[in-house]
């Protein structure tokens, strides 16, 4: 019985912690890749969905101004949507890191909590 407790404790604080940290890192990398924050920052002021008007070859000031306004609006819409996605992605990343830290702390404390519960249970039975 003591050999089982020793083996479990050894596994819990060595192999399992390594696996937990490995999977936590993979999850954070997945979220970083999923929200593509560097890509969104790089294309922050690109037109939304590549929607833009092309300038005609003539010299019509109204036409050029209308095209400029449409292109500027598409860039503003694209920037707004990308900023919202960056902020949402950053919030999800921070929240997931906090939760992963909480899971790690709970993982370290779990054997002690179970040990205390077993001692209390045995004391009440005896």
N, C-alpha and C. Protein backbone atom coordinates (compact mmCIF):
# COMPACT_ATOMS: atom_id res chain seq x y z
N UNK A 1 0.83 -1.20 0.00
CA UNK A 1 0.00 0.00 0.00
C UNK A 1 0.87 1.26 0.00
N UNK A 2 1.92 1.24 0.81
CA UNK A 2 2.81 2.40 0.84
C UNK A 2 3.55 2.57 -0.48
N UNK A 3 3.86 1.44 -1.13
CA UNK A 3 4.51 1.52 -2.43
C UNK A 3 3.60 2.20 -3.45
N UNK A 4 2.30 1.92 -3.40
CA UNK A 4 1.34 2.56 -4.29
C UNK A 4 1.28 4.07 -4.02
N UNK A 5 1.25 4.45 -2.76
CA UNK A 5 1.18 5.88 -2.41
C UNK A 5 2.45 6.58 -2.89
N UNK A 6 3.60 5.96 -2.67
CA UNK A 6 4.85 6.55 -3.14
C UNK A 6 4.87 6.67 -4.66
N UNK A 7 4.48 5.60 -5.35
CA UNK A 7 4.48 5.61 -6.82
C UNK A 7 3.52 6.67 -7.36
N UNK A 8 2.33 6.74 -6.76
CA UNK A 8 1.36 7.74 -7.22
C UNK A 8 1.89 9.15 -6.99
N UNK A 9 2.43 9.40 -5.82
CA UNK A 9 2.95 10.73 -5.50
C UNK A 9 4.09 11.10 -6.44
N UNK A 10 4.97 10.14 -6.68
CA UNK A 10 6.07 10.40 -7.61
C UNK A 10 5.53 10.73 -9.00
N UNK A 11 4.57 9.95 -9.50
CA UNK A 11 3.99 10.21 -10.81
C UNK A 11 3.27 11.56 -10.82
N UNK A 12 2.52 11.85 -9.78
CA UNK A 12 1.70 13.05 -9.71
C UNK A 12 2.56 14.32 -9.82
N UNK A 13 3.74 14.30 -9.19
CA UNK A 13 4.57 15.50 -9.16
C UNK A 13 5.69 15.49 -10.19
N UNK A 14 5.83 14.47 -11.00
CA UNK A 14 6.86 14.46 -12.04
C UNK A 14 6.24 14.34 -13.42
N UNK A 15 5.87 13.14 -13.80
CA UNK A 15 5.35 12.91 -15.16
C UNK A 15 4.07 13.67 -15.43
N UNK A 16 3.18 13.65 -14.47
CA UNK A 16 1.88 14.31 -14.69
C UNK A 16 2.03 15.82 -14.77
N UNK A 17 2.93 16.39 -13.98
CA UNK A 17 3.13 17.84 -14.04
C UNK A 17 3.74 18.22 -15.39
N UNK A 18 4.70 17.42 -15.86
CA UNK A 18 5.27 17.68 -17.18
C UNK A 18 4.20 17.62 -18.26
N UNK A 19 3.34 16.61 -18.19
CA UNK A 19 2.27 16.48 -19.19
C UNK A 19 1.28 17.63 -19.08
N UNK A 20 0.94 18.01 -17.86
CA UNK A 20 0.01 19.13 -17.65
C UNK A 20 0.56 20.42 -18.24
N UNK A 21 1.82 20.71 -17.98
CA UNK A 21 2.43 21.93 -18.52
C UNK A 21 2.58 21.86 -20.04
N UNK A 22 2.88 20.69 -20.56
CA UNK A 22 2.97 20.51 -22.00
C UNK A 22 1.63 20.80 -22.68
N UNK A 23 0.57 20.23 -22.13
CA UNK A 23 -0.77 20.44 -22.72
C UNK A 23 -1.25 21.88 -22.51
N UNK A 24 -0.91 22.48 -21.40
CA UNK A 24 -1.29 23.88 -21.17
C UNK A 24 -0.60 24.78 -22.19
N UNK A 25 0.69 24.53 -22.44
CA UNK A 25 1.41 25.32 -23.43
C UNK A 25 0.80 25.12 -24.81
N UNK A 26 0.48 23.87 -25.16
CA UNK A 26 -0.14 23.60 -26.46
C UNK A 26 -1.48 24.32 -26.60
N UNK A 27 -2.25 24.39 -25.52
CA UNK A 27 -3.54 25.06 -25.57
C UNK A 27 -3.36 26.56 -25.80
N UNK A 28 -2.40 27.16 -25.12
CA UNK A 28 -2.14 28.59 -25.31
C UNK A 28 -1.65 28.87 -26.73
N UNK A 29 -0.77 28.01 -27.25
CA UNK A 29 -0.29 28.18 -28.62
C UNK A 29 -1.46 28.02 -29.60
N UNK A 30 -2.35 27.06 -29.34
CA UNK A 30 -3.52 26.89 -30.19
C UNK A 30 -4.37 28.17 -30.21
N UNK A 31 -4.62 28.75 -29.03
CA UNK A 31 -5.44 29.96 -28.99
C UNK A 31 -4.75 31.12 -29.70
N UNK A 32 -3.44 31.23 -29.53
CA UNK A 32 -2.67 32.29 -30.20
C UNK A 32 -2.78 32.12 -31.72
N UNK A 33 -2.68 30.88 -32.18
CA UNK A 33 -2.78 30.61 -33.61
C UNK A 33 -4.22 30.77 -34.11
N UNK A 34 -5.18 30.33 -33.30
CA UNK A 34 -6.58 30.40 -33.69
C UNK A 34 -7.03 31.85 -33.91
N UNK A 35 -6.64 32.74 -33.00
CA UNK A 35 -7.05 34.13 -33.14
C UNK A 35 -6.12 34.92 -34.06
N UNK A 36 -4.99 34.36 -34.45
CA UNK A 36 -4.06 34.95 -35.42
C UNK A 36 -3.77 36.41 -35.11
N UNK A 37 -3.42 36.69 -33.88
CA UNK A 37 -3.20 38.07 -33.44
C UNK A 37 -2.07 38.75 -34.22
N UNK A 38 -0.92 38.11 -34.45
CA UNK A 38 0.10 38.79 -35.26
C UNK A 38 -0.37 39.12 -36.68
N UNK A 39 -1.12 38.20 -37.28
CA UNK A 39 -1.64 38.45 -38.62
C UNK A 39 -2.65 39.59 -38.64
N UNK A 40 -3.49 39.64 -37.60
CA UNK A 40 -4.46 40.72 -37.51
C UNK A 40 -3.77 42.07 -37.30
N UNK A 41 -2.71 42.07 -36.51
CA UNK A 41 -1.96 43.32 -36.31
C UNK A 41 -1.26 43.76 -37.59
N UNK A 42 -0.74 42.80 -38.34
CA UNK A 42 -0.03 43.13 -39.58
C UNK A 42 -0.96 43.70 -40.64
N UNK A 43 -2.22 43.27 -40.64
CA UNK A 43 -3.17 43.74 -41.65
C UNK A 43 -4.25 44.63 -41.05
N UNK A 44 -3.89 45.35 -40.00
CA UNK A 44 -4.88 46.11 -39.23
C UNK A 44 -5.70 47.07 -40.10
N UNK A 45 -5.06 47.79 -40.98
CA UNK A 45 -5.80 48.78 -41.78
C UNK A 45 -6.01 48.33 -43.22
N UNK A 46 -6.01 47.04 -43.44
CA UNK A 46 -6.36 46.55 -44.78
C UNK A 46 -7.87 46.63 -44.95
N UNK A 47 -8.33 46.74 -46.19
CA UNK A 47 -9.78 46.82 -46.41
C UNK A 47 -10.48 45.55 -45.93
N UNK A 48 -11.68 45.71 -45.44
CA UNK A 48 -12.47 44.58 -44.95
C UNK A 48 -12.82 43.66 -46.11
N UNK A 49 -12.50 42.38 -45.97
CA UNK A 49 -12.78 41.36 -46.98
C UNK A 49 -12.27 41.76 -48.36
N UNK A 50 -11.22 42.56 -48.39
CA UNK A 50 -10.61 43.06 -49.63
C UNK A 50 -11.60 43.82 -50.50
N UNK A 51 -12.59 44.40 -49.89
CA UNK A 51 -13.57 45.19 -50.63
C UNK A 51 -13.01 46.58 -50.86
N UNK A 52 -12.80 46.93 -52.10
CA UNK A 52 -12.33 48.26 -52.43
C UNK A 52 -12.69 48.58 -53.86
N UNK A 53 -12.82 49.84 -54.11
CA UNK A 53 -13.12 50.32 -55.47
C UNK A 53 -11.81 50.62 -56.17
N UNK A 54 -11.78 50.40 -57.46
CA UNK A 54 -10.58 50.76 -58.22
C UNK A 54 -10.78 52.15 -58.82
N UNK A 55 -9.68 52.88 -58.88
CA UNK A 55 -9.74 54.22 -59.44
C UNK A 55 -9.79 54.14 -60.97
N UNK A 56 -10.72 54.90 -61.55
CA UNK A 56 -10.81 54.94 -63.01
C UNK A 56 -9.67 55.79 -63.57
N UNK A 57 -9.41 55.61 -64.84
CA UNK A 57 -8.28 56.30 -65.46
C UNK A 57 -8.59 57.76 -65.78
N UNK A 58 -9.83 58.13 -65.81
CA UNK A 58 -10.19 59.52 -66.13
C UNK A 58 -9.92 60.46 -64.97
N UNK A 59 -10.15 61.78 -65.24
CA UNK A 59 -9.94 62.78 -64.21
C UNK A 59 -11.29 63.38 -63.81
N UNK A 60 -12.05 62.62 -63.07
CA UNK A 60 -13.32 63.08 -62.54
C UNK A 60 -13.16 63.16 -61.03
N UNK A 61 -13.13 64.40 -60.53
CA UNK A 61 -12.84 64.63 -59.11
C UNK A 61 -13.89 63.98 -58.22
N UNK A 62 -15.17 64.01 -58.63
CA UNK A 62 -16.23 63.40 -57.83
C UNK A 62 -16.04 61.88 -57.75
N UNK A 63 -15.69 61.30 -58.86
CA UNK A 63 -15.48 59.85 -58.92
C UNK A 63 -14.29 59.43 -58.06
N UNK A 64 -13.19 60.18 -58.16
CA UNK A 64 -12.00 59.87 -57.36
C UNK A 64 -12.29 60.06 -55.87
N UNK A 65 -13.04 61.10 -55.50
CA UNK A 65 -13.38 61.35 -54.10
C UNK A 65 -14.31 60.27 -53.56
N UNK A 66 -15.27 59.86 -54.38
CA UNK A 66 -16.19 58.78 -53.96
C UNK A 66 -15.43 57.47 -53.77
N UNK A 67 -14.52 57.17 -54.66
CA UNK A 67 -13.70 55.96 -54.53
C UNK A 67 -12.83 56.04 -53.28
N UNK A 68 -12.23 57.21 -53.04
CA UNK A 68 -11.39 57.39 -51.85
C UNK A 68 -12.22 57.19 -50.57
N UNK A 69 -13.41 57.73 -50.54
CA UNK A 69 -14.27 57.61 -49.34
C UNK A 69 -14.67 56.15 -49.11
N UNK A 70 -15.05 55.45 -50.18
CA UNK A 70 -15.44 54.04 -50.04
C UNK A 70 -14.25 53.21 -49.57
N UNK A 71 -13.08 53.44 -50.15
CA UNK A 71 -11.89 52.69 -49.74
C UNK A 71 -11.51 53.00 -48.29
N UNK A 72 -11.63 54.26 -47.90
CA UNK A 72 -11.32 54.63 -46.52
C UNK A 72 -12.30 53.99 -45.54
N UNK A 73 -13.58 53.97 -45.90
CA UNK A 73 -14.57 53.33 -45.04
C UNK A 73 -14.32 51.83 -44.91
N UNK A 74 -13.94 51.19 -46.01
CA UNK A 74 -13.65 49.75 -45.94
C UNK A 74 -12.44 49.49 -45.06
N UNK A 75 -11.45 50.38 -45.09
CA UNK A 75 -10.28 50.23 -44.22
C UNK A 75 -10.66 50.46 -42.75
N UNK A 76 -11.53 51.41 -42.49
CA UNK A 76 -11.98 51.65 -41.12
C UNK A 76 -12.79 50.47 -40.60
N UNK A 77 -13.66 49.93 -41.42
CA UNK A 77 -14.44 48.76 -41.01
C UNK A 77 -13.49 47.59 -40.74
N UNK A 78 -12.53 47.38 -41.64
CA UNK A 78 -11.56 46.31 -41.44
C UNK A 78 -10.76 46.50 -40.16
N UNK A 79 -10.33 47.73 -39.90
CA UNK A 79 -9.58 48.02 -38.67
C UNK A 79 -10.43 47.79 -37.43
N UNK A 80 -11.69 48.20 -37.48
CA UNK A 80 -12.57 48.01 -36.33
C UNK A 80 -12.79 46.53 -36.03
N UNK A 81 -13.11 45.77 -37.07
CA UNK A 81 -13.35 44.33 -36.88
C UNK A 81 -12.09 43.64 -36.37
N UNK A 82 -10.94 44.01 -36.91
CA UNK A 82 -9.69 43.39 -36.47
C UNK A 82 -9.36 43.77 -35.03
N UNK A 83 -9.59 45.01 -34.65
CA UNK A 83 -9.33 45.43 -33.26
C UNK A 83 -10.24 44.67 -32.31
N UNK A 84 -11.51 44.50 -32.68
CA UNK A 84 -12.43 43.73 -31.83
C UNK A 84 -11.94 42.29 -31.69
N UNK A 85 -11.50 41.69 -32.78
CA UNK A 85 -10.99 40.31 -32.72
C UNK A 85 -9.71 40.21 -31.91
N UNK A 86 -8.83 41.19 -32.03
CA UNK A 86 -7.59 41.20 -31.23
C UNK A 86 -7.92 41.31 -29.76
N UNK A 87 -8.83 42.21 -29.40
CA UNK A 87 -9.20 42.37 -27.99
C UNK A 87 -9.89 41.12 -27.45
N UNK A 88 -10.77 40.53 -28.24
CA UNK A 88 -11.44 39.30 -27.82
C UNK A 88 -10.44 38.16 -27.65
N UNK A 89 -9.54 38.02 -28.63
CA UNK A 89 -8.51 36.98 -28.55
C UNK A 89 -7.59 37.18 -27.35
N UNK A 90 -7.21 38.43 -27.09
CA UNK A 90 -6.35 38.71 -25.93
C UNK A 90 -7.09 38.38 -24.63
N UNK A 91 -8.37 38.72 -24.57
CA UNK A 91 -9.15 38.41 -23.37
C UNK A 91 -9.27 36.89 -23.16
N UNK A 92 -9.50 36.16 -24.23
CA UNK A 92 -9.58 34.70 -24.12
C UNK A 92 -8.24 34.12 -23.70
N UNK A 93 -7.15 34.66 -24.25
CA UNK A 93 -5.82 34.18 -23.86
C UNK A 93 -5.54 34.44 -22.38
N UNK A 94 -5.83 35.64 -21.92
CA UNK A 94 -5.58 35.97 -20.51
C UNK A 94 -6.45 35.10 -19.61
N UNK A 95 -7.72 34.96 -19.95
CA UNK A 95 -8.62 34.13 -19.15
C UNK A 95 -8.16 32.68 -19.13
N UNK A 96 -7.73 32.16 -20.27
CA UNK A 96 -7.27 30.76 -20.30
C UNK A 96 -5.99 30.59 -19.50
N UNK A 97 -5.10 31.58 -19.52
CA UNK A 97 -3.88 31.48 -18.72
C UNK A 97 -4.18 31.51 -17.23
N UNK A 98 -5.14 32.33 -16.84
CA UNK A 98 -5.54 32.37 -15.43
C UNK A 98 -6.15 31.03 -15.03
N UNK A 99 -7.02 30.49 -15.86
CA UNK A 99 -7.62 29.19 -15.55
C UNK A 99 -6.58 28.07 -15.52
N UNK A 100 -5.63 28.11 -16.45
CA UNK A 100 -4.58 27.10 -16.45
C UNK A 100 -3.70 27.21 -15.22
N UNK A 101 -3.44 28.42 -14.76
CA UNK A 101 -2.69 28.60 -13.52
C UNK A 101 -3.47 28.05 -12.33
N UNK A 102 -4.77 28.30 -12.32
CA UNK A 102 -5.62 27.76 -11.25
C UNK A 102 -5.64 26.24 -11.26
N UNK A 103 -5.74 25.65 -12.45
CA UNK A 103 -5.72 24.19 -12.58
C UNK A 103 -4.38 23.63 -12.08
N UNK A 104 -3.29 24.31 -12.40
CA UNK A 104 -1.97 23.85 -11.96
C UNK A 104 -1.85 23.91 -10.44
N UNK A 105 -2.32 24.98 -9.83
CA UNK A 105 -2.28 25.09 -8.37
C UNK A 105 -3.14 24.00 -7.73
N UNK A 106 -4.33 23.79 -8.27
CA UNK A 106 -5.21 22.74 -7.75
C UNK A 106 -4.54 21.38 -7.90
N UNK A 107 -3.86 21.17 -9.03
CA UNK A 107 -3.18 19.89 -9.25
C UNK A 107 -2.12 19.64 -8.17
N UNK A 108 -1.38 20.69 -7.80
CA UNK A 108 -0.36 20.52 -6.77
C UNK A 108 -0.97 20.27 -5.39
N UNK A 109 -2.13 20.85 -5.12
CA UNK A 109 -2.74 20.72 -3.81
C UNK A 109 -3.63 19.50 -3.66
N UNK A 110 -4.01 18.87 -4.74
CA UNK A 110 -4.98 17.78 -4.70
C UNK A 110 -4.56 16.60 -3.81
N UNK A 111 -3.35 16.11 -3.88
CA UNK A 111 -2.99 14.99 -3.00
C UNK A 111 -3.09 15.36 -1.52
N UNK A 112 -2.70 16.57 -1.16
CA UNK A 112 -2.79 16.99 0.23
C UNK A 112 -4.25 17.06 0.69
N UNK A 113 -5.12 17.56 -0.18
CA UNK A 113 -6.54 17.64 0.16
C UNK A 113 -7.12 16.25 0.35
N UNK A 114 -6.79 15.33 -0.56
CA UNK A 114 -7.28 13.96 -0.40
C UNK A 114 -6.71 13.30 0.85
N UNK A 115 -5.45 13.55 1.14
CA UNK A 115 -4.84 13.00 2.36
C UNK A 115 -5.54 13.50 3.61
N UNK A 116 -5.83 14.80 3.66
CA UNK A 116 -6.53 15.37 4.81
C UNK A 116 -7.93 14.79 4.93
N UNK A 117 -8.61 14.64 3.81
CA UNK A 117 -9.96 14.05 3.82
C UNK A 117 -9.94 12.61 4.32
N UNK A 118 -8.95 11.85 3.93
CA UNK A 118 -8.85 10.46 4.38
C UNK A 118 -8.59 10.41 5.88
N UNK A 119 -7.70 11.26 6.37
CA UNK A 119 -7.40 11.30 7.81
C UNK A 119 -8.65 11.68 8.61
N UNK A 120 -9.36 12.69 8.14
CA UNK A 120 -10.59 13.13 8.83
C UNK A 120 -11.63 12.02 8.80
N UNK A 121 -11.77 11.36 7.67
CA UNK A 121 -12.73 10.27 7.55
C UNK A 121 -12.38 9.13 8.50
N UNK A 122 -11.10 8.78 8.56
CA UNK A 122 -10.68 7.70 9.46
C UNK A 122 -10.87 8.07 10.93
N UNK A 123 -10.64 9.33 11.26
CA UNK A 123 -10.84 9.78 12.64
C UNK A 123 -12.31 9.74 13.04
N UNK A 124 -13.19 10.05 12.10
CA UNK A 124 -14.62 10.02 12.45
C UNK A 124 -15.12 8.58 12.55
N UNK A 125 -14.53 7.67 11.78
CA UNK A 125 -14.95 6.26 11.85
C UNK A 125 -14.43 5.56 13.12
N UNK A 126 -13.27 5.96 13.57
CA UNK A 126 -12.68 5.30 14.74
C UNK A 126 -13.09 5.98 15.97
